[in-house]
PDB file of N, CA and C in Angstrom:
ATOM      1  N   MET A   1     -11.214 -25.577-144.606  1.00  0.00           N
ATOM      2  CA  MET A   1     -10.064 -25.920-143.752  1.00  0.00           C
ATOM      3  C   MET A   1     -10.357 -25.458-142.319  1.00  0.00           C
ATOM      4  N   PRO A   2     -10.300 -26.381-141.371  1.00  0.00           N
ATOM      5  CA  PRO A   2     -10.564 -26.031-139.971  1.00  0.00           C
ATOM      6  C   PRO A   2      -9.556 -24.996-139.459  1.00  0.00           C
ATOM      7  N   SER A   3     -10.035 -24.144-138.570  1.00  0.00           N
ATOM      8  CA  SER A   3      -9.161 -23.079-138.066  1.00  0.00           C
ATOM      9  C   SER A   3      -8.007 -23.658-137.248  1.00  0.00           C
ATOM     10  N   SER A   4      -8.251 -24.781-136.558  1.00  0.00           N
ATOM     11  CA  SER A   4      -7.189 -25.376-135.739  1.00  0.00           C
ATOM     12  C   SER A   4      -6.033 -25.843-136.619  1.00  0.00           C
ATOM     13  N   LEU A   5      -6.346 -26.431-137.763  1.00  0.00           N
ATOM     14  CA  LEU A   5      -5.286 -26.868-138.686  1.00  0.00           C
ATOM     15  C   LEU A   5      -4.554 -25.658-139.258  1.00  0.00           C
ATOM     16  N   LEU A   6      -5.310 -24.594-139.534  1.00  0.00           N
ATOM     17  CA  LEU A   6      -4.710 -23.384-140.078  1.00  0.00           C
ATOM     18  C   LEU A   6      -3.729 -22.784-139.074  1.00  0.00           C
ATOM     19  N   ILE A   7      -4.153 -22.723-137.814  1.00  0.00           N
ATOM     20  CA  ILE A   7      -3.282 -22.181-136.757  1.00  0.00           C
ATOM     21  C   ILE A   7      -2.054 -23.068-136.581  1.00  0.00           C
ATOM     22  N   LEU A   8      -2.257 -24.386-136.672  1.00  0.00           N
ATOM     23  CA  LEU A   8      -1.142 -25.323-136.510  1.00  0.00           C
ATOM     24  C   LEU A   8      -0.124 -25.134-137.628  1.00  0.00           C
ATOM     25  N   ALA A   9      -0.621 -25.032-138.870  1.00  0.00           N
ATOM     26  CA  ALA A   9       0.280 -24.843-140.005  1.00  0.00           C
ATOM     27  C   ALA A   9       0.998 -23.501-139.900  1.00  0.00           C
ATOM     28  N   TRP A  10       0.283 -22.456-139.459  1.00  0.00           N
ATOM     29  CA  TRP A  10       0.892 -21.128-139.327  1.00  0.00           C
ATOM     30  C   TRP A  10       1.977 -21.148-138.254  1.00  0.00           C
ATOM     31  N   GLY A  11       1.683 -21.818-137.132  1.00  0.00           N
ATOM     32  CA  GLY A  11       2.660 -21.917-136.047  1.00  0.00           C
ATOM     33  C   GLY A  11       3.905 -22.660-136.495  1.00  0.00           C
ATOM     34  N   ARG A  12       3.708 -23.713-137.298  1.00  0.00           N
ATOM     35  CA  ARG A  12       4.853 -24.477-137.798  1.00  0.00           C
ATOM     36  C   ARG A  12       5.702 -23.610-138.713  1.00  0.00           C
ATOM     37  N   ARG A  13       5.046 -22.818-139.553  1.00  0.00           N
ATOM     38  CA  ARG A  13       5.778 -21.934-140.476  1.00  0.00           C
ATOM     39  C   ARG A  13       6.548 -20.873-139.697  1.00  0.00           C
ATOM     40  N   VAL A  14       5.915 -20.322-138.671  1.00  0.00           N
ATOM     41  CA  VAL A  14       6.583 -19.296-137.857  1.00  0.00           C
ATOM     42  C   VAL A  14       7.803 -19.886-137.155  1.00  0.00           C
ATOM     43  N   SER A  15       7.657 -21.114-136.625  1.00  0.00           N
ATOM     44  CA  SER A  15       8.779 -21.736-135.924  1.00  0.00           C
ATOM     45  C   SER A  15       9.915 -22.021-136.896  1.00  0.00           C
ATOM     46  N   GLN A  16       9.595 -22.444-138.116  1.00  0.00           N
ATOM     47  CA  GLN A  16      10.629 -22.689-139.119  1.00  0.00           C
ATOM     48  C   GLN A  16      11.352 -21.393-139.469  1.00  0.00           C
ATOM     49  N   THR A  17      10.587 -20.311-139.586  1.00  0.00           N
ATOM     50  CA  THR A  17      11.190 -19.018-139.906  1.00  0.00           C
ATOM     51  C   THR A  17      12.092 -18.564-138.760  1.00  0.00           C
ATOM     52  N   LYS A  18      11.648 -18.809-137.512  1.00  0.00           N
ATOM     53  CA  LYS A  18      12.457 -18.429-136.350  1.00  0.00           C
ATOM     54  C   LYS A  18      13.765 -19.189-136.351  1.00  0.00           C
ATOM     55  N   VAL A  19      13.684 -20.497-136.619  1.00  0.00           N
ATOM     56  CA  VAL A  19      14.893 -21.323-136.647  1.00  0.00           C
ATOM     57  C   VAL A  19      15.828 -20.839-137.746  1.00  0.00           C
ATOM     58  N   ARG A  20      15.256 -20.518-138.895  1.00  0.00           N
ATOM     59  CA  ARG A  20      16.059 -20.069-140.027  1.00  0.00           C
ATOM     60  C   ARG A  20      16.778 -18.762-139.684  1.00  0.00           C
ATOM     61  N   SER A  21      16.053 -17.817-139.080  1.00  0.00           N
ATOM     62  CA  SER A  21      16.664 -16.530-138.750  1.00  0.00           C
ATOM     63  C   SER A  21      17.716 -16.690-137.662  1.00  0.00           C
ATOM     64  N   THR A  22      17.467 -17.626-136.726  1.00  0.00           N
ATOM     65  CA  THR A  22      18.443 -17.868-135.659  1.00  0.00           C
ATOM     66  C   THR A  22      19.729 -18.442-136.231  1.00  0.00           C
ATOM     67  N   VAL A  23      19.588 -19.386-137.162  1.00  0.00           N
ATOM     68  CA  VAL A  23      20.761 -19.982-137.806  1.00  0.00           C
ATOM     69  C   VAL A  23      21.505 -18.920-138.606  1.00  0.00           C
ATOM     70  N   PHE A  24      20.753 -18.062-139.301  1.00  0.00           N
ATOM     71  CA  PHE A  24      21.376 -17.001-140.096  1.00  0.00           C
ATOM     72  C   PHE A  24      22.153 -16.042-139.194  1.00  0.00           C
ATOM     73  N   GLN A  25      21.555 -15.661-138.051  1.00  0.00           N
ATOM     74  CA  GLN A  25      22.231 -14.755-137.124  1.00  0.00           C
ATOM     75  C   GLN A  25      23.490 -15.405-136.568  1.00  0.00           C
ATOM     76  N   ALA A  26      23.415 -16.717-136.283  1.00  0.00           N
ATOM     77  CA  ALA A  26      24.582 -17.433-135.756  1.00  0.00           C
ATOM     78  C   ALA A  26      25.697 -17.457-136.790  1.00  0.00           C
ATOM     79  N   LEU A  27      25.336 -17.711-138.058  1.00  0.00           N
ATOM     80  CA  LEU A  27      26.340 -17.735-139.127  1.00  0.00           C
ATOM     81  C   LEU A  27      26.992 -16.367-139.274  1.00  0.00           C
ATOM     82  N   VAL A  28      26.189 -15.309-139.253  1.00  0.00           N
ATOM     83  CA  VAL A  28      26.731 -13.948-139.374  1.00  0.00           C
ATOM     84  C   VAL A  28      27.642 -13.647-138.188  1.00  0.00           C
ATOM     85  N   HIS A  29      27.221 -14.069-136.992  1.00  0.00           N
ATOM     86  CA  HIS A  29      28.007 -13.820-135.790  1.00  0.00           C
ATOM     87  C   HIS A  29      29.359 -14.522-135.893  1.00  0.00           C
ATOM     88  N   PHE A  30      29.343 -15.785-136.311  1.00  0.00           N
ATOM     89  CA  PHE A  30      30.596 -16.532-136.426  1.00  0.00           C
ATOM     90  C   PHE A  30      31.482 -15.949-137.523  1.00  0.00           C
ATOM     91  N   ARG A  31      30.841 -15.458-138.588  1.00  0.00           N
ATOM     92  CA  ARG A  31      31.602 -14.855-139.683  1.00  0.00           C
ATOM     93  C   ARG A  31      32.353 -13.617-139.164  1.00  0.00           C
ATOM     94  N   TRP A  32      31.643 -12.775-138.398  1.00  0.00           N
ATOM     95  CA  TRP A  32      32.284 -11.583-137.851  1.00  0.00           C
ATOM     96  C   TRP A  32      33.380 -11.967-136.856  1.00  0.00           C
ATOM     97  N   TYR A  33      33.118 -13.062-136.094  1.00  0.00           N
ATOM     98  CA  TYR A  33      34.112 -13.536-135.127  1.00  0.00           C
ATOM     99  C   TYR A  33      35.378 -13.967-135.863  1.00  0.00           C
ATOM    100  N   ASP A  34      35.202 -14.680-136.984  1.00  0.00           N
ATOM    101  CA  ASP A  34      36.362 -15.110-137.782  1.00  0.00           C
ATOM    102  C   ASP A  34      37.124 -13.897-138.309  1.00  0.00           C
ATOM    103  N   VAL A  35      36.388 -12.868-138.729  1.00  0.00           N
ATOM    104  CA  VAL A  35      37.032 -11.680-139.287  1.00  0.00           C
ATOM    105  C   VAL A  35      37.820 -10.927-138.200  1.00  0.00           C
ATOM    106  N   THR A  36      37.217 -10.778-137.017  1.00  0.00           N
ATOM    107  CA  THR A  36      37.868 -10.004-135.964  1.00  0.00           C
ATOM    108  C   THR A  36      39.033 -10.765-135.359  1.00  0.00           C
ATOM    109  N   VAL A  37      38.961 -12.067-135.301  1.00  0.00           N
ATOM    110  CA  VAL A  37      40.046 -12.877-134.724  1.00  0.00           C
ATOM    111  C   VAL A  37      40.984 -13.322-135.836  1.00  0.00           C
TER     112      VAL A  37
END
């Protein structure tokens, strides 16, 4: 497997994980907002 493809796949996985964690943080934030308001 070429290193460029490996780096590309790794970068895609990292970006997906970042998006997932961002969505999770947003959901938690809105949940706390609902609780406080």
